[in-house]
Protein backbone atom coordinates (compact mmCIF):
# COMPACT_ATOMS: atom_id res chain seq x y z
CA UNK A 1 0.24 -47.46 -21.37
CA UNK A 2 1.99 -44.19 -20.71
CA UNK A 3 1.88 -43.21 -17.04
CA UNK A 4 3.35 -39.72 -17.25
CA UNK A 5 1.29 -37.05 -18.96
CA UNK A 6 3.77 -34.24 -18.34
CA UNK A 7 5.37 -32.30 -21.14
CA UNK A 8 9.17 -32.19 -20.90
CA UNK A 9 11.23 -29.24 -22.09
CA UNK A 10 12.92 -29.83 -25.42
CA UNK A 11 15.56 -28.18 -27.57
CA UNK A 12 15.98 -28.33 -31.32
CA UNK A 13 19.57 -28.40 -32.46
CA UNK A 14 21.77 -29.60 -35.29
CA UNK A 15 24.70 -30.46 -33.00
CA UNK A 16 24.81 -33.97 -34.53
CA UNK A 17 24.86 -32.69 -38.10
CA UNK A 18 21.11 -32.95 -38.60
CA UNK A 19 18.39 -31.03 -36.81
CA UNK A 20 16.83 -33.08 -34.03
CA UNK A 21 14.75 -32.45 -30.95
CA UNK A 22 16.08 -33.56 -27.58
CA UNK A 23 14.18 -33.90 -24.31
CA UNK A 24 15.63 -32.36 -21.17
CA UNK A 25 14.88 -34.64 -18.23
CA UNK A 26 16.25 -35.97 -14.96
CA UNK A 27 18.48 -38.38 -16.86
CA UNK A 28 20.48 -35.34 -17.96
CA UNK A 29 21.54 -34.61 -14.38
CA UNK A 30 21.99 -38.32 -13.65
CA UNK A 31 24.48 -38.63 -16.53
CA UNK A 32 26.24 -35.44 -15.46
CA UNK A 33 26.87 -37.04 -12.06
CA UNK A 34 27.59 -40.60 -13.18
CA UNK A 35 29.69 -39.80 -16.27
CA UNK A 36 31.57 -36.73 -15.09
CA UNK A 37 31.09 -36.72 -11.30
CA UNK A 38 29.58 -33.22 -11.50
CA UNK A 39 26.62 -31.86 -9.58
CA UNK A 40 24.61 -29.11 -11.24
CA UNK A 41 26.38 -26.56 -9.02
CA UNK A 42 29.81 -27.94 -10.00
CA UNK A 43 28.74 -27.83 -13.65
CA UNK A 44 27.81 -24.14 -13.28
CA UNK A 45 31.22 -23.45 -11.73
CA UNK A 46 32.96 -25.32 -14.56
CA UNK A 47 30.97 -23.32 -17.10
CA UNK A 48 32.43 -20.16 -15.56
CA UNK A 49 36.03 -21.38 -15.56
CA UNK A 50 36.16 -23.63 -18.65
CA UNK A 51 33.06 -23.21 -20.80
CA UNK A 52 34.50 -25.31 -23.63
CA UNK A 53 34.75 -28.38 -21.40
CA UNK A 54 31.46 -27.71 -19.61
CA UNK A 55 29.39 -27.19 -22.75
CA UNK A 56 30.83 -30.31 -24.40
CA UNK A 57 29.93 -32.31 -21.31
CA UNK A 58 26.40 -30.89 -21.45
CA UNK A 59 26.08 -32.07 -25.06
CA UNK A 60 27.21 -35.55 -24.01
CA UNK A 61 24.72 -35.85 -21.15
CA UNK A 62 21.77 -34.47 -23.13
CA UNK A 63 22.46 -36.87 -26.01
CA UNK A 64 22.92 -39.80 -23.63
CA UNK A 65 19.70 -38.94 -21.80
CA UNK A 66 18.00 -39.22 -25.19
CA UNK A 67 19.41 -42.68 -25.87
CA UNK A 68 22.36 -41.68 -28.05
CA UNK A 69 25.66 -43.31 -27.20
CA UNK A 70 28.35 -40.63 -27.45
CA UNK A 71 31.63 -39.85 -25.74
CA UNK A 72 33.17 -36.58 -24.63
CA UNK A 73 35.99 -37.15 -27.10
CA UNK A 74 33.49 -37.61 -29.97
CA UNK A 75 31.81 -34.32 -29.13
CA UNK A 76 35.14 -32.50 -28.91
CA UNK A 77 36.34 -33.97 -32.23
CA UNK A 78 33.15 -33.19 -34.15
CA UNK A 79 32.20 -29.70 -32.96
CA UNK A 80 33.66 -26.24 -32.75
CA UNK A 81 33.22 -23.90 -29.81
CA UNK A 82 30.41 -21.89 -31.42
CA UNK A 83 28.41 -25.15 -31.82
CA UNK A 84 28.80 -25.81 -28.10
CA UNK A 85 27.84 -22.26 -27.15
CA UNK A 86 24.76 -22.41 -29.36
CA UNK A 87 23.72 -25.73 -27.77
CA UNK A 88 24.25 -24.37 -24.26
CA UNK A 89 22.23 -21.24 -25.04
CA UNK A 90 19.35 -23.29 -26.44
CA UNK A 91 19.48 -25.42 -23.30
CA UNK A 92 19.29 -22.32 -21.09
CA UNK A 93 16.46 -20.86 -23.15
CA UNK A 94 14.45 -24.09 -22.89
CA UNK A 95 15.05 -24.61 -19.20
CA UNK A 96 14.84 -21.08 -17.89
CA UNK A 97 13.33 -18.99 -20.66
CA UNK A 98 16.58 -17.09 -21.10
CA UNK A 99 16.67 -15.66 -24.63
CA UNK A 100 20.15 -15.37 -26.11
CA UNK A 101 19.62 -13.70 -29.51
CA UNK A 102 23.22 -12.59 -30.00
CA UNK A 103 24.37 -16.17 -30.57
CA UNK A 104 22.19 -16.42 -33.69
CA UNK A 105 23.63 -13.14 -34.95
CA UNK A 106 27.16 -14.38 -34.25
CA UNK A 107 26.53 -17.65 -36.11
CA UNK A 108 25.05 -15.77 -39.09
CA UNK A 109 28.10 -13.49 -39.12
CA UNK A 110 30.39 -16.53 -39.02
CA UNK A 111 28.48 -18.11 -41.93
CA UNK A 112 28.78 -14.88 -43.93
CA UNK A 113 32.52 -14.75 -43.21
CA UNK A 114 32.90 -18.33 -44.44
CA UNK A 115 31.03 -17.45 -47.64
CA UNK A 116 33.33 -14.45 -48.18
CA UNK A 117 36.40 -16.66 -47.81
CA UNK A 118 34.95 -19.16 -50.29
CA UNK A 119 34.52 -16.50 -53.00
C-alpha cells in the first residue's frame, strides 16, 4: 500500500543517452550532502564559481536518488558541458518554474553546426 499520495516534481532528460523521467525528491539533497558534503547553499555557491563541477554533481545526485548507481567520474566522462547545462536548466524549471528557452535554441544551433561539419 502506498502511503504518500503527493506528486513529486519530475524532469525528462536524455542525459543517460535515452530519454527518461527522473523524480526530484529529498534523496537528491541527501545525496548532495552525503556524497559531496555540500548543502544546497554551498551547491548554489559552487554553481556560481564552477558550474561544470556543480552541474555534474547535480546529475549524479538526481540519478542516485532515482536508484541509478553512477559516479561523478562517469558523468564527467560521458557528457559535455551543454548536456550538464541543459540538465541543470530542466531541474530549475521543474523545481522553481524558471523557463530557460535559450538553452533549447543553443542546443539546436549546436546540432545544426554538427550537421554542417558532417556535410
